[in-house]
Amino acid sequence: MRKFWKVFGWVFLGIFLQFKFNALYGIVFLENLSFHDRTYWVEMNMIPTEESLRVLKVKTTVHHSLGPDYFATVYIPEHYKVLNEIPYAGAEALSGYQAYKMNMKRKYRDVLGEKHFIITPIKLNEDVPAKPIKVHFENLKQRLHSDETYQISTLKLKTLLEGPEVAEAIYPQKLGM
């Protein structure tokens, strides 16, 4: 019986050390890895204002995230000028787009970000064909998801946003993601 407790103690100590001295961290980590898929949500809507200006509300969510750091970058076509934000130079440059960084904050198992962009067409008297607004989700190592669901266009001095209420993508949970 003494040998059993000795072996059990060493196994318990190994498991305890493996999960960074916190048994709850290990339980939550294994539960997330085994039972939950990682979901990316993008919500966009255009808040009506006077005709030349529009407020584009963008909300990003990474649901059931395991990693510590997630970043989201919103790419708005160059035909539009964003009045209340400065383009983010630290993101990948895409031709025809300006990058803007989302402020992602962790809230329990989710990482959330929300911003309001005041946009206006650069040339007010020209129509702009529909172009996608791109959203890239990344961590420190790789791009995790790209979204091009929402389309923005300007026809007859009216800026419109086309797309669903919420764009969703689901991936199985993996280590390192």
Protein backbone atom coordinates (compact mmCIF):
# COMPACT_ATOMS: atom_id res chain seq x y z
CA MET A 1 0.00 0.00 0.00
CA ARG A 2 2.90 2.32 0.74
CA LYS A 3 4.28 1.83 -2.80
CA PHE A 4 0.86 2.73 -4.26
CA TRP A 5 0.79 6.06 -2.42
CA LYS A 6 4.38 6.78 -3.47
CA VAL A 7 3.56 6.21 -7.17
CA PHE A 8 0.27 8.08 -6.86
CA GLY A 9 2.06 11.03 -5.24
CA TRP A 10 4.65 11.26 -8.02
CA VAL A 11 1.97 11.06 -10.72
CA PHE A 12 -0.10 13.73 -8.96
CA LEU A 13 2.98 15.96 -8.58
CA GLY A 14 3.80 15.56 -12.30
CA ILE A 15 0.27 16.51 -13.33
CA PHE A 16 0.29 19.41 -10.88
CA LEU A 17 3.59 20.76 -12.24
CA GLN A 18 2.52 20.26 -15.84
CA PHE A 19 -0.39 22.66 -15.43
CA LYS A 20 1.69 25.52 -14.03
CA PHE A 21 0.99 24.94 -10.34
CA ASN A 22 -2.71 25.51 -10.82
CA ALA A 23 -5.02 22.50 -11.05
CA LEU A 24 -7.97 24.63 -12.21
CA TYR A 25 -5.93 25.96 -15.15
CA GLY A 26 -5.31 22.39 -16.30
CA ILE A 27 -8.94 21.37 -15.96
CA VAL A 28 -10.21 24.42 -17.88
CA PHE A 29 -7.51 23.96 -20.56
CA LEU A 30 -8.38 20.29 -21.14
CA GLU A 31 -12.12 21.04 -21.09
CA ASN A 32 -11.68 23.79 -23.72
CA LEU A 33 -9.46 21.62 -25.90
CA SER A 34 -11.77 18.61 -25.79
CA PHE A 35 -15.30 20.00 -25.90
CA HIS A 36 -15.41 23.42 -27.58
CA ASP A 37 -14.87 24.64 -31.11
CA ARG A 38 -13.29 28.05 -31.68
CA THR A 39 -15.73 30.48 -33.29
CA TYR A 40 -15.04 33.82 -35.00
CA TRP A 41 -17.84 36.39 -35.21
CA VAL A 42 -17.83 39.62 -37.16
CA GLU A 43 -20.73 42.05 -36.80
CA MET A 44 -20.93 45.20 -38.92
CA ASN A 45 -23.64 47.75 -39.38
CA MET A 46 -23.90 51.24 -40.77
CA ILE A 47 -25.41 53.81 -38.43
CA PRO A 48 -27.43 56.38 -40.39
CA THR A 49 -26.13 59.95 -40.23
CA GLU A 50 -26.12 62.84 -42.66
CA GLU A 51 -25.52 61.84 -46.27
CA SER A 52 -21.78 62.54 -46.67
CA LEU A 53 -20.73 60.83 -43.42
CA ARG A 54 -21.47 57.33 -42.19
CA VAL A 55 -20.61 55.55 -38.93
CA LEU A 56 -19.44 51.99 -39.50
CA LYS A 57 -19.72 49.91 -36.32
CA VAL A 58 -17.45 46.83 -36.30
CA LYS A 59 -17.54 44.20 -33.56
CA THR A 60 -15.20 41.18 -33.54
CA THR A 61 -15.30 38.16 -31.23
CA VAL A 62 -13.14 35.06 -30.80
CA HIS A 63 -15.28 32.63 -28.79
CA HIS A 64 -13.71 29.83 -26.68
CA SER A 65 -10.15 30.94 -27.29
CA LEU A 66 -7.21 29.07 -25.76
CA GLY A 67 -4.39 31.38 -26.79
CA PRO A 68 -3.38 34.41 -24.78
CA ASP A 69 -3.11 36.92 -27.62
CA TYR A 70 -5.52 37.53 -30.47
CA PHE A 71 -5.43 40.48 -32.85
CA ALA A 72 -7.98 41.64 -35.38
CA THR A 73 -7.27 44.01 -38.25
CA VAL A 74 -10.01 45.66 -40.33
CA TYR A 75 -9.17 46.58 -43.93
CA ILE A 76 -11.32 49.37 -45.39
CA PRO A 77 -11.09 50.16 -49.15
CA GLU A 78 -8.96 53.19 -50.07
CA HIS A 79 -11.98 54.83 -51.74
CA TYR A 80 -13.13 55.75 -48.22
CA LYS A 81 -11.52 58.07 -45.72
CA VAL A 82 -11.74 57.24 -42.01
CA LEU A 83 -11.94 60.48 -40.06
CA ASN A 84 -11.58 59.29 -36.48
CA GLU A 85 -8.79 56.67 -36.78
CA ILE A 86 -5.20 56.56 -37.99
CA PRO A 87 -4.23 53.66 -40.31
CA TYR A 88 -2.29 50.91 -38.55
CA ALA A 89 1.18 50.52 -40.08
CA GLY A 90 1.97 47.27 -38.19
CA ALA A 91 -0.41 45.11 -40.23
CA GLU A 92 0.12 43.37 -43.54
CA ALA A 93 -0.29 45.85 -46.40
CA LEU A 94 -3.01 44.97 -48.91
CA SER A 95 -3.17 46.94 -52.13
CA GLY A 96 -6.30 49.08 -52.34
CA TYR A 97 -6.95 48.92 -48.57
CA GLN A 98 -6.08 50.80 -45.39
CA ALA A 99 -5.58 48.71 -42.22
CA TYR A 100 -7.07 49.64 -38.85
CA LYS A 101 -6.33 47.81 -35.61
CA MET A 102 -9.13 46.58 -33.34
CA ASN A 103 -8.65 46.84 -29.57
CA MET A 104 -9.12 43.22 -28.51
CA LYS A 105 -9.83 42.58 -24.82
CA ARG A 106 -10.14 39.24 -23.07
CA LYS A 107 -13.36 38.51 -21.20
CA TYR A 108 -13.29 35.03 -19.64
CA ARG A 109 -13.03 32.64 -22.62
CA ASP A 110 -13.76 35.23 -25.30
CA VAL A 111 -11.66 37.96 -26.87
CA LEU A 112 -13.78 40.94 -27.90
CA GLY A 113 -13.22 44.14 -29.87
CA GLU A 114 -15.55 46.96 -30.93
CA LYS A 115 -14.90 50.18 -32.86
CA HIS A 116 -16.83 52.90 -34.61
CA PHE A 117 -15.35 54.27 -37.83
CA ILE A 118 -16.60 57.58 -39.22
CA ILE A 119 -16.19 57.14 -42.98
CA THR A 120 -16.82 59.24 -46.04
CA PRO A 121 -16.07 58.61 -49.73
CA ILE A 122 -12.91 60.40 -50.92
CA LYS A 123 -14.61 61.57 -54.13
CA LEU A 124 -18.15 62.56 -53.23
CA ASN A 125 -19.48 62.87 -56.79
CA GLU A 126 -18.26 59.42 -58.00
CA ASP A 127 -19.92 56.05 -57.49
CA VAL A 128 -17.82 53.36 -55.80
CA PRO A 129 -18.56 49.75 -56.79
CA ALA A 130 -19.06 47.14 -54.07
CA LYS A 131 -15.80 46.09 -52.42
CA PRO A 132 -15.35 43.75 -49.46
CA ILE A 133 -14.30 44.98 -46.04
CA LYS A 134 -11.69 42.46 -44.93
CA VAL A 135 -11.13 41.34 -41.34
CA HIS A 136 -8.08 39.26 -40.37
CA PHE A 137 -7.82 37.42 -37.04
CA GLU A 138 -4.27 36.57 -35.98
CA ASN A 139 -2.25 35.48 -32.99
CA LEU A 140 1.49 36.00 -32.52
CA LYS A 141 2.34 33.07 -34.83
CA GLN A 142 -0.20 32.85 -37.66
CA ARG A 143 -3.37 34.08 -39.32
CA LEU A 144 -6.30 32.19 -37.86
CA HIS A 145 -9.23 33.41 -39.94
CA SER A 146 -9.99 35.91 -42.73
CA ASP A 147 -13.44 37.32 -43.40
CA GLU A 148 -14.68 39.12 -46.53
CA THR A 149 -18.43 38.79 -45.98
CA TYR A 150 -19.39 42.46 -45.86
CA GLN A 151 -19.46 44.67 -48.99
CA ILE A 152 -19.39 48.48 -48.96
CA SER A 153 -20.44 50.64 -51.92
CA THR A 154 -21.50 54.18 -52.74
CA LEU A 155 -24.20 54.79 -55.35
CA LYS A 156 -25.76 58.20 -56.03
CA LEU A 157 -24.10 59.78 -52.96
CA LYS A 158 -25.45 57.03 -50.67
CA THR A 159 -23.04 54.67 -48.88
CA LEU A 160 -24.43 51.18 -48.25
CA LEU A 161 -23.19 48.14 -46.33
CA GLU A 162 -24.32 44.71 -47.53
CA GLY A 163 -23.98 41.52 -45.52
CA PRO A 164 -25.61 39.39 -42.84
CA GLU A 165 -26.23 40.46 -39.25
CA VAL A 166 -23.38 38.27 -38.03
CA ALA A 167 -20.69 36.48 -40.05
CA GLU A 168 -19.57 33.32 -38.28
CA ALA A 169 -16.80 30.78 -38.85
CA ILE A 170 -16.24 27.67 -36.71
CA TYR A 171 -12.99 25.71 -36.43
CA PRO A 172 -12.10 22.69 -34.29
CA GLN A 173 -9.88 23.53 -31.34
CA LYS A 174 -6.17 22.63 -31.75
CA LEU A 175 -3.06 23.23 -29.72
CA GLY A 176 -1.10 26.26 -30.91
CA MET A 177 -4.15 27.99 -32.42
